[in-house]
């Protein structure tokens, strides 16, 4: 069983930055691709970013490319999401997620159905 705990959310002005963290407990963290998703009020959950188990491969949703950076530290069982140039439309609850362990070091997932473990979410609010 994997437990994920997000932190780092908050209220920030447009143009500001935040770094979200997701701490994972349980074994085999380094064998699982990780992802970030977000859900705004009244909307469906959307893919934000993904990283392969090794950290060598990353992928981003179109709306965040160039502003968000996903990374991971397998020694610390933690995945990060650096968010720069925040916009009011980035306001949402941000969730981290983990897949089951995979053999490929380059594989990543972009669909929420591919993820088996989810954190409780952290709120990001961007004021204009």
Foldseek 3Di string as FASTA:
>chain_A
DKAKAKDWADEEAAQAKIKMKIAMDDPDLLQKKKFKWWDDPPGDIAGAKIAFSPRPEMDGDPVQPPFWDWGDDVVRRMIMIIGGRDDQVVWTWMKMFIAPGDPDRGDIDGDPVRTDYIYPTDTHGYHD
